[in-house]
Amino acid sequence: MDAVVAAPRALLGRTIVGPASVRIRDGRIVEVTTGEAPPGAEVLSDGLLTPGLVDVQVNGAVGVDFAEVDAHGMRSVAEALPSTGVTRFLPTLITAPVDVVLRQARAVLAASAALPDGVGARPLGVHLEGPFLSPKRAGVHDPSFMVEPGPDQISALLDDDLIRRALRMVTMAPEQPGGFEAVRRLAEAGVLVAVGHSDATGAQTRAAADAGARMVTHLFNAQRPLGHREPGVPGVALVDERFTLGLIADLAHVGPDVCRLVFNAAGARVALVTDAVAAAGMPPGRYHLGGADVLLTEDGVPRSPEGTIAGSALTLDRAVRNIVSVGVPVADALASATIVPAEVIGESGLGRLAPGAVADLVWWDDDLRPKKVWVDGRVVFDAEVPVAAPVAAGYATAGQ
């Protein structure tokens, strides 16, 4: 039997229109109409209806580090994320020896497969942020584990059937020896390649795009900076329309004025990401990122014991609100967390309210806070229903 959700306003494509209604059948959207709600519709009294948010870079949350995840931990994250509007996410693993990364990836996939139907947000595979990075732009990644992306290392990823089927994204430094050929092989295999933790020059960044790279991981962070003669990674990324720009909009990784600059220059290509770590949704304390200690203090920014920023405690709904707060239109901010990340990882059925798309929906209040969330047409979060799990309940109010 069909279900219909009607809202006074809805995000269709990159435009907010309304009123609008979405008809759902067997977990997918079969019709989207504007105007008066049809008989029998669930009529939302206020706010805005959008597609579910898609986060393509998340290392963990609610105390769970994906490098050490099991089925219970994956379920904790999956149940918590919808309170922030996220309905699909890409578990991300940071730098470790190749054999360790493969073992961690298999554990992520096993934990993902163990998720029951109808429980929370759904993982989309795995994103490897390393180990093919530049020690010159290591951030909190351990340089001793970084390796050049030689043929054997890339074959270790692509020749493993399980890993190959689930590998959605690889962040790498293309200027490393063998890098451009590695970009080419991965892209030809259907893997999204992102330039990140890279000391690439502008010319090398453009050459990476020529080889098939299509994204930049956390623009401005851990990469050769923008110069007025040497554009580095961000300079080329801002003007080369082949690149989608990952942006951590916690206003600590990238300041408010620069976030606005990025949207002014390339707003249609920005994908908001959290780069969240296990500390996200948790009180100040000690957590893990890739098995290493991360400290979350009262300022809300996770750091290594040495003081280097280590991912974020950001939630994607707060990233949207932050971007709106710097002057970006609501529709553009929401598109950057829905249709843009969905498209860059090749998921045409996500991130949009359109016939044939997956029925992942978010009902937002007028302050852009999630009120109700559907995944595959099922309600997985309702702000008016008390949350039993203490961790998930804490995440529901994270970043408020």
Protein backbone atom coordinates (compact mmCIF):
# COMPACT_ATOMS: atom_id res chain seq x y z
CA MET A 1 0.00 0.00 0.00
CA ASP A 2 1.27 3.46 -0.90
CA ALA A 3 2.15 6.06 1.71
CA VAL A 4 2.07 9.77 0.96
CA VAL A 5 3.96 12.47 2.87
CA ALA A 6 2.91 16.06 2.21
CA ALA A 7 4.80 19.15 3.31
CA PRO A 8 4.31 22.90 3.07
CA ARG A 9 7.78 23.14 1.48
CA ALA A 10 10.10 20.59 -0.10
CA LEU A 11 13.56 20.51 -1.67
CA LEU A 12 13.13 19.34 -5.26
CA GLY A 13 16.47 19.19 -7.01
CA ARG A 14 18.22 22.34 -5.83
CA THR A 15 15.06 24.41 -5.36
CA ILE A 16 12.63 24.75 -2.46
CA VAL A 17 9.01 24.65 -3.64
CA GLY A 18 5.71 23.98 -1.98
CA PRO A 19 3.42 22.65 -1.00
CA ALA A 20 4.53 19.25 -2.29
CA SER A 21 3.71 15.57 -1.76
CA VAL A 22 5.85 12.46 -2.06
CA ARG A 23 4.25 9.07 -2.76
CA ILE A 24 6.16 6.04 -1.47
CA ARG A 25 5.83 2.40 -2.51
CA ASP A 26 8.06 -0.48 -1.43
CA GLY A 27 10.72 1.84 -0.07
CA ARG A 28 10.98 4.04 -3.16
CA ILE A 29 9.48 7.28 -4.33
CA VAL A 30 7.01 6.69 -7.14
CA GLU A 31 5.55 10.18 -7.54
CA VAL A 32 6.25 13.76 -6.52
CA THR A 33 3.53 16.38 -6.96
CA THR A 34 3.07 20.00 -6.03
CA GLY A 35 -0.11 21.65 -4.79
CA GLU A 36 -2.79 20.44 -2.42
CA ALA A 37 -2.10 17.23 -0.49
CA PRO A 38 -3.93 14.15 -1.85
CA PRO A 39 -6.47 12.31 0.31
CA GLY A 40 -4.91 10.06 2.96
CA ALA A 41 -1.57 11.85 3.01
CA GLU A 42 0.45 12.31 6.18
CA VAL A 43 0.43 16.10 6.24
CA LEU A 44 3.42 17.73 7.90
CA SER A 45 2.25 20.85 9.69
CA ASP A 46 5.27 23.05 9.10
CA GLY A 47 8.94 23.07 8.20
CA LEU A 48 10.62 21.54 5.19
CA LEU A 49 10.85 18.07 3.59
CA THR A 50 14.14 17.07 1.96
CA PRO A 51 15.99 13.96 0.88
CA GLY A 52 18.09 12.22 3.52
CA LEU A 53 21.59 13.56 4.06
CA VAL A 54 24.56 11.61 2.67
CA ASP A 55 27.92 11.74 4.49
CA VAL A 56 30.81 10.34 2.44
CA GLN A 57 33.49 10.85 5.09
CA VAL A 58 32.79 9.63 8.60
CA ASN A 59 35.39 7.82 10.72
CA GLY A 60 33.02 7.01 13.57
CA ALA A 61 30.60 8.51 16.07
CA VAL A 62 28.96 7.96 19.45
CA GLY A 63 32.13 6.40 20.87
CA VAL A 64 32.64 4.02 17.93
CA ASP A 65 35.81 4.10 15.79
CA PHE A 66 35.28 2.33 12.47
CA ALA A 67 38.86 1.03 12.64
CA GLU A 68 37.76 -1.08 15.61
CA VAL A 69 34.09 -1.63 14.76
CA ASP A 70 31.93 -4.70 15.39
CA ALA A 71 28.26 -5.37 14.71
CA HIS A 72 27.14 -3.71 17.95
CA GLY A 73 29.20 -0.60 17.25
CA MET A 74 27.93 -0.30 13.68
CA ARG A 75 24.38 -0.56 14.92
CA SER A 76 25.02 2.19 17.49
CA VAL A 77 26.23 4.54 14.75
CA ALA A 78 23.44 3.57 12.35
CA GLU A 79 20.79 4.20 14.98
CA ALA A 80 22.31 7.54 16.02
CA LEU A 81 22.89 9.17 12.64
CA PRO A 82 19.25 9.73 11.62
CA SER A 83 18.81 12.16 14.52
CA THR A 84 21.19 14.39 12.53
CA GLY A 85 19.35 13.89 9.23
CA VAL A 86 21.85 11.38 7.84
CA THR A 87 20.30 8.38 6.11
CA ARG A 88 23.35 7.03 4.20
CA PHE A 89 27.00 7.18 5.17
CA LEU A 90 30.38 6.00 3.97
CA PRO A 91 32.49 4.50 6.79
CA THR A 92 36.01 5.88 6.49
CA LEU A 93 39.29 4.27 7.53
CA ILE A 94 42.45 6.29 8.01
CA THR A 95 46.07 5.37 7.33
CA ALA A 96 47.35 1.98 8.46
CA PRO A 97 49.52 -0.70 6.80
CA VAL A 98 47.77 -2.08 3.72
CA ASP A 99 47.13 -5.48 5.29
CA VAL A 100 45.66 -3.81 8.37
CA VAL A 101 43.46 -1.55 6.25
CA LEU A 102 42.13 -4.59 4.41
CA ARG A 103 41.35 -6.33 7.69
CA GLN A 104 39.60 -3.23 9.02
CA ALA A 105 37.62 -2.89 5.80
CA ARG A 106 36.42 -6.47 6.02
CA ALA A 107 35.32 -5.85 9.63
CA VAL A 108 33.38 -2.75 8.51
CA LEU A 109 31.68 -4.73 5.76
CA ALA A 110 30.80 -7.60 8.09
CA ALA A 111 29.37 -5.19 10.66
CA SER A 112 27.41 -3.42 7.93
CA ALA A 113 25.98 -6.69 6.63
CA ALA A 114 24.82 -7.57 10.15
CA LEU A 115 22.56 -4.51 10.39
CA PRO A 116 18.91 -5.58 10.50
CA ASP A 117 16.53 -4.10 7.94
CA GLY A 118 14.74 -1.01 9.13
CA VAL A 119 17.40 -0.03 11.65
CA GLY A 120 18.80 3.47 11.24
CA ALA A 121 21.01 4.89 8.51
CA ARG A 122 22.59 2.57 5.98
CA PRO A 123 26.34 2.27 5.22
CA LEU A 124 27.39 2.55 1.59
CA GLY A 125 30.64 0.56 1.57
CA VAL A 126 34.02 1.88 2.61
CA HIS A 127 36.19 4.97 2.06
CA LEU A 128 39.95 4.51 2.46
CA GLU A 129 41.62 7.76 3.51
CA GLY A 130 45.13 6.41 3.17
CA PRO A 131 47.63 4.86 3.28
CA PHE A 132 48.62 6.43 -0.09
CA LEU A 133 49.11 9.91 1.36
CA SER A 134 51.94 12.42 1.55
CA PRO A 135 53.98 12.49 4.76
CA LYS A 136 54.37 16.23 4.09
CA ARG A 137 50.63 16.69 4.73
CA ALA A 138 50.03 13.95 7.26
CA GLY A 139 47.77 15.73 9.74
CA VAL A 140 47.14 13.13 12.46
CA HIS A 141 47.79 10.20 10.11
CA ASP A 142 50.91 8.22 11.01
CA PRO A 143 53.54 8.92 8.30
CA SER A 144 55.34 5.67 9.12
CA PHE A 145 52.35 3.74 7.72
CA MET A 146 52.14 5.71 4.47
CA VAL A 147 53.20 3.89 1.32
CA GLU A 148 53.54 4.74 -2.33
CA PRO A 149 50.57 3.58 -4.43
CA GLY A 150 52.51 1.08 -6.49
CA PRO A 151 50.94 -1.59 -8.71
CA ASP A 152 51.08 -4.27 -6.02
CA GLN A 153 49.38 -2.06 -3.44
CA ILE A 154 46.55 -1.11 -5.80
CA SER A 155 46.18 -4.73 -6.88
CA ALA A 156 45.78 -5.71 -3.22
CA LEU A 157 42.62 -3.57 -3.20
CA LEU A 158 41.22 -4.41 -6.60
CA ASP A 159 42.02 -8.14 -6.69
CA ASP A 160 40.15 -8.82 -3.45
CA ASP A 161 36.57 -9.42 -4.62
CA LEU A 162 34.93 -8.45 -1.34
CA ILE A 163 36.94 -5.25 -0.99
CA ARG A 164 36.56 -4.35 -4.65
CA ARG A 165 32.76 -4.59 -4.56
CA ALA A 166 32.54 -2.38 -1.46
CA LEU A 167 35.34 0.10 -2.17
CA ARG A 168 33.60 3.36 -3.03
CA MET A 169 36.25 5.99 -2.44
CA VAL A 170 40.02 6.31 -1.99
CA THR A 171 41.68 9.50 -0.79
CA MET A 172 45.29 9.72 -1.96
CA ALA A 173 48.19 12.04 -2.79
CA PRO A 174 48.54 11.69 -6.58
CA GLU A 175 51.99 13.31 -6.68
CA GLN A 176 53.52 10.33 -4.90
CA PRO A 177 55.52 7.92 -7.13
CA GLY A 178 53.05 5.80 -9.08
CA GLY A 179 50.20 8.07 -8.06
CA PHE A 180 48.77 9.06 -11.42
CA GLU A 181 48.70 5.47 -12.67
CA ALA A 182 47.04 4.46 -9.41
CA VAL A 183 44.40 7.16 -9.91
CA ARG A 184 43.79 5.83 -13.40
CA ARG A 185 43.45 2.19 -12.31
CA LEU A 186 41.11 3.00 -9.44
CA ALA A 187 38.95 5.31 -11.54
CA GLU A 188 38.71 2.73 -14.33
CA ALA A 189 37.57 0.22 -11.71
CA GLY A 190 34.73 2.56 -10.74
CA VAL A 191 36.26 3.84 -7.49
CA LEU A 192 35.91 7.53 -6.67
CA VAL A 193 39.41 8.97 -6.26
CA ALA A 194 39.85 12.07 -4.10
CA VAL A 195 42.94 14.22 -3.78
CA GLY A 196 43.75 14.63 -0.11
CA HIS A 197 46.59 14.79 2.42
CA SER A 198 48.53 15.92 -0.60
CA ASP A 199 51.38 18.29 -1.37
CA ALA A 200 50.42 18.33 -5.06
CA THR A 201 51.03 21.50 -7.02
CA GLY A 202 48.25 23.01 -9.06
CA ALA A 203 49.60 21.31 -12.18
CA GLN A 204 49.74 17.94 -10.43
CA THR A 205 46.20 18.41 -9.11
CA ARG A 206 44.97 19.07 -12.62
CA ALA A 207 46.90 16.03 -13.87
CA ALA A 208 45.10 13.95 -11.23
CA ALA A 209 41.79 15.10 -12.69
CA ASP A 210 43.05 14.16 -16.16
CA ALA A 211 43.77 10.68 -14.75
CA GLY A 212 40.27 10.37 -13.29
CA ALA A 213 40.25 11.97 -9.82
CA ARG A 214 36.92 13.65 -9.17
CA MET A 215 36.96 14.91 -5.58
CA VAL A 216 39.09 16.80 -3.09
CA THR A 217 39.04 15.56 0.50
CA HIS A 218 38.46 18.25 3.15
CA LEU A 219 39.31 21.27 1.02
CA PHE A 220 42.10 23.47 2.48
CA ASN A 221 42.98 20.94 5.19
CA ALA A 222 46.16 18.82 4.92
CA GLN A 223 47.05 19.96 1.41
CA ARG A 224 49.38 22.40 -0.35
CA PRO A 225 47.67 25.74 0.26
CA LEU A 226 46.28 28.30 -2.14
CA GLY A 227 48.84 30.81 -3.37
CA HIS A 228 48.43 33.70 -5.76
CA ARG A 229 50.95 32.20 -8.20
CA GLU A 230 51.00 28.53 -7.16
CA PRO A 231 47.31 27.58 -6.70
CA GLY A 232 48.03 24.29 -4.95
CA VAL A 233 45.23 21.82 -4.45
CA PRO A 234 42.46 24.23 -3.40
CA GLY A 235 43.16 26.78 -6.13
CA VAL A 236 42.74 24.26 -8.93
CA ALA A 237 39.84 22.53 -7.18
CA LEU A 238 37.91 25.80 -6.99
CA VAL A 239 38.14 26.42 -10.74
CA ASP A 240 38.30 22.92 -12.26
CA GLU A 241 34.69 21.83 -12.62
CA ARG A 242 35.65 18.15 -12.66
CA PHE A 243 36.22 18.27 -8.91
CA THR A 244 33.62 17.96 -6.16
CA LEU A 245 34.87 19.75 -3.06
CA GLY A 246 34.56 18.04 0.31
CA LEU A 247 34.19 20.69 3.03
CA ILE A 248 34.23 20.26 6.81
CA ALA A 249 31.92 23.10 7.84
CA ASP A 250 32.44 23.08 11.58
CA LEU A 251 33.90 26.60 11.15
CA ALA A 252 37.09 25.41 12.88
CA HIS A 253 38.67 23.43 10.03
CA VAL A 254 37.73 26.21 7.61
CA GLY A 255 36.72 29.65 8.81
CA PRO A 256 33.33 31.24 8.08
CA ASP A 257 34.56 33.71 5.46
CA VAL A 258 36.42 31.01 3.55
CA CYS A 259 33.38 28.71 3.67
CA ARG A 260 31.36 31.52 2.10
CA LEU A 261 34.13 32.07 -0.46
CA VAL A 262 34.03 28.39 -1.42
CA PHE A 263 30.28 28.52 -2.00
CA ASN A 264 30.57 31.77 -3.94
CA ALA A 265 33.20 30.23 -6.19
CA ALA A 266 31.91 26.67 -6.60
CA GLY A 267 28.75 26.19 -4.56
CA ALA A 268 27.16 23.67 -6.94
CA ARG A 269 30.19 21.37 -6.45
CA VAL A 270 30.49 21.44 -2.67
CA ALA A 271 29.81 18.25 -0.69
CA LEU A 272 29.53 18.88 3.03
CA VAL A 273 31.21 16.15 5.07
CA THR A 274 31.67 15.71 8.79
CA ASP A 275 34.98 13.81 8.97
CA ALA A 276 33.43 12.80 12.31
CA VAL A 277 35.37 10.62 14.71
CA ALA A 278 34.26 8.51 17.66
CA ALA A 279 34.02 11.69 19.76
CA ALA A 280 31.05 12.97 17.73
CA GLY A 281 27.92 12.99 19.84
CA MET A 282 29.89 12.35 23.01
CA PRO A 283 30.95 14.44 26.03
CA PRO A 284 34.53 15.69 26.42
CA GLY A 285 36.95 12.83 26.96
CA ARG A 286 39.42 10.46 25.33
CA TYR A 287 38.38 8.56 22.19
CA HIS A 288 40.02 6.71 19.31
CA LEU A 289 40.70 7.52 15.65
CA GLY A 290 42.29 4.68 13.74
CA GLY A 291 43.09 3.16 17.11
CA ALA A 292 45.07 6.22 18.26
CA ASP A 293 44.02 8.51 21.12
CA VAL A 294 41.97 11.61 20.37
CA LEU A 295 41.02 14.17 23.01
CA LEU A 296 37.73 16.06 22.89
CA THR A 297 37.71 19.15 25.09
CA GLU A 298 35.03 21.71 25.88
CA ASP A 299 35.73 23.59 22.62
CA GLY A 300 34.18 20.67 20.71
CA VAL A 301 37.18 20.07 18.39
CA PRO A 302 38.91 16.66 18.66
CA ARG A 303 42.70 16.85 18.78
CA SER A 304 45.66 14.50 19.05
CA PRO A 305 47.58 14.56 22.33
CA GLU A 306 50.03 16.88 20.51
CA GLY A 307 47.24 19.35 19.71
CA THR A 308 46.65 18.63 16.00
CA ILE A 309 43.00 18.69 14.90
CA ALA A 310 41.92 15.07 14.51
CA GLY A 311 38.74 14.84 12.47
CA SER A 312 35.69 16.52 13.95
CA ALA A 313 32.79 16.14 16.33
CA LEU A 314 30.55 17.71 13.70
CA THR A 315 27.10 16.46 12.72
CA LEU A 316 25.89 16.98 9.17
CA ASP A 317 22.74 18.85 10.17
CA ARG A 318 24.91 21.31 12.09
CA ALA A 319 27.16 21.67 9.04
CA VAL A 320 24.09 22.70 7.05
CA ARG A 321 23.08 25.23 9.72
CA ASN A 322 26.62 26.57 9.87
CA ILE A 323 26.71 27.14 6.13
CA VAL A 324 23.34 28.89 6.23
CA SER A 325 24.67 31.07 9.05
CA VAL A 326 27.47 32.41 6.82
CA GLY A 327 24.96 33.57 4.20
CA VAL A 328 24.51 30.60 1.87
CA PRO A 329 20.87 30.04 0.77
CA VAL A 330 19.11 27.15 2.51
CA ALA A 331 18.50 25.24 -0.73
CA ASP A 332 22.19 25.41 -1.68
CA ALA A 333 23.33 24.31 1.78
CA LEU A 334 20.95 21.35 1.74
CA ALA A 335 21.91 20.37 -1.82
CA SER A 336 25.52 20.16 -0.67
CA ALA A 337 24.55 17.51 1.88
CA THR A 338 22.15 15.55 -0.35
CA ILE A 339 22.34 15.52 -4.13
CA VAL A 340 26.02 16.57 -4.45
CA PRO A 341 27.57 13.81 -2.30
CA ALA A 342 25.13 11.27 -3.73
CA GLU A 343 26.10 12.13 -7.29
CA VAL A 344 29.84 12.14 -6.71
CA ILE A 345 29.77 8.55 -5.44
CA GLY A 346 27.49 7.51 -8.31
CA GLU A 347 24.31 7.02 -6.27
CA SER A 348 21.65 8.52 -8.56
CA GLY A 349 18.90 7.01 -6.41
CA LEU A 350 19.94 8.93 -3.30
CA GLY A 351 19.91 12.58 -2.29
CA ARG A 352 16.80 13.61 -4.22
CA LEU A 353 13.04 13.62 -4.04
CA ALA A 354 12.21 12.19 -7.45
CA PRO A 355 10.41 9.16 -8.91
CA GLY A 356 12.64 6.09 -8.67
CA ALA A 357 14.75 7.46 -5.84
CA VAL A 358 15.08 5.69 -2.51
CA ALA A 359 12.51 6.98 -0.01
CA ASP A 360 15.00 8.56 2.40
CA LEU A 361 13.34 11.69 3.77
CA VAL A 362 13.98 14.31 6.43
CA TRP A 363 11.36 16.61 7.93
CA TRP A 364 13.04 19.73 9.31
CA ASP A 365 11.63 22.36 11.62
CA ASP A 366 11.94 26.05 10.82
CA ASP A 367 15.33 26.18 12.59
CA LEU A 368 16.69 23.39 10.35
CA ARG A 369 16.66 20.70 13.01
CA PRO A 370 15.45 17.22 12.06
CA LYS A 371 11.99 16.35 13.37
CA LYS A 372 11.40 13.04 11.61
CA VAL A 373 13.50 10.83 9.34
CA TRP A 374 12.59 7.98 7.00
CA VAL A 375 14.99 5.40 5.51
CA ASP A 376 13.63 3.22 2.70
CA GLY A 377 10.21 4.64 3.52
CA ARG A 378 10.33 3.60 7.20
CA VAL A 379 10.47 6.05 10.08
CA VAL A 380 13.80 5.62 11.86
CA PHE A 381 13.82 8.82 13.94
CA ASP A 382 11.05 10.91 15.44
CA ALA A 383 12.02 13.79 17.71
CA GLU A 384 8.71 13.46 19.57
CA VAL A 385 9.36 9.84 20.49
CA PRO A 386 11.75 9.30 23.43
CA VAL A 387 14.98 7.53 22.48
CA ALA A 388 15.69 4.48 24.65
CA ALA A 389 19.40 4.09 23.92
CA PRO A 390 21.39 6.59 26.00
CA VAL A 391 24.12 7.05 23.41
CA ALA A 392 21.68 7.68 20.59
CA ALA A 393 19.73 10.09 22.78
CA GLY A 394 22.90 12.04 23.47
CA TYR A 395 23.65 12.20 19.75
CA ALA A 396 20.21 13.56 19.06
CA THR A 397 21.21 16.75 20.83
CA ALA A 398 24.83 16.90 19.73
CA GLY A 399 25.97 20.22 18.31
CA GLN A 400 22.83 22.10 19.28
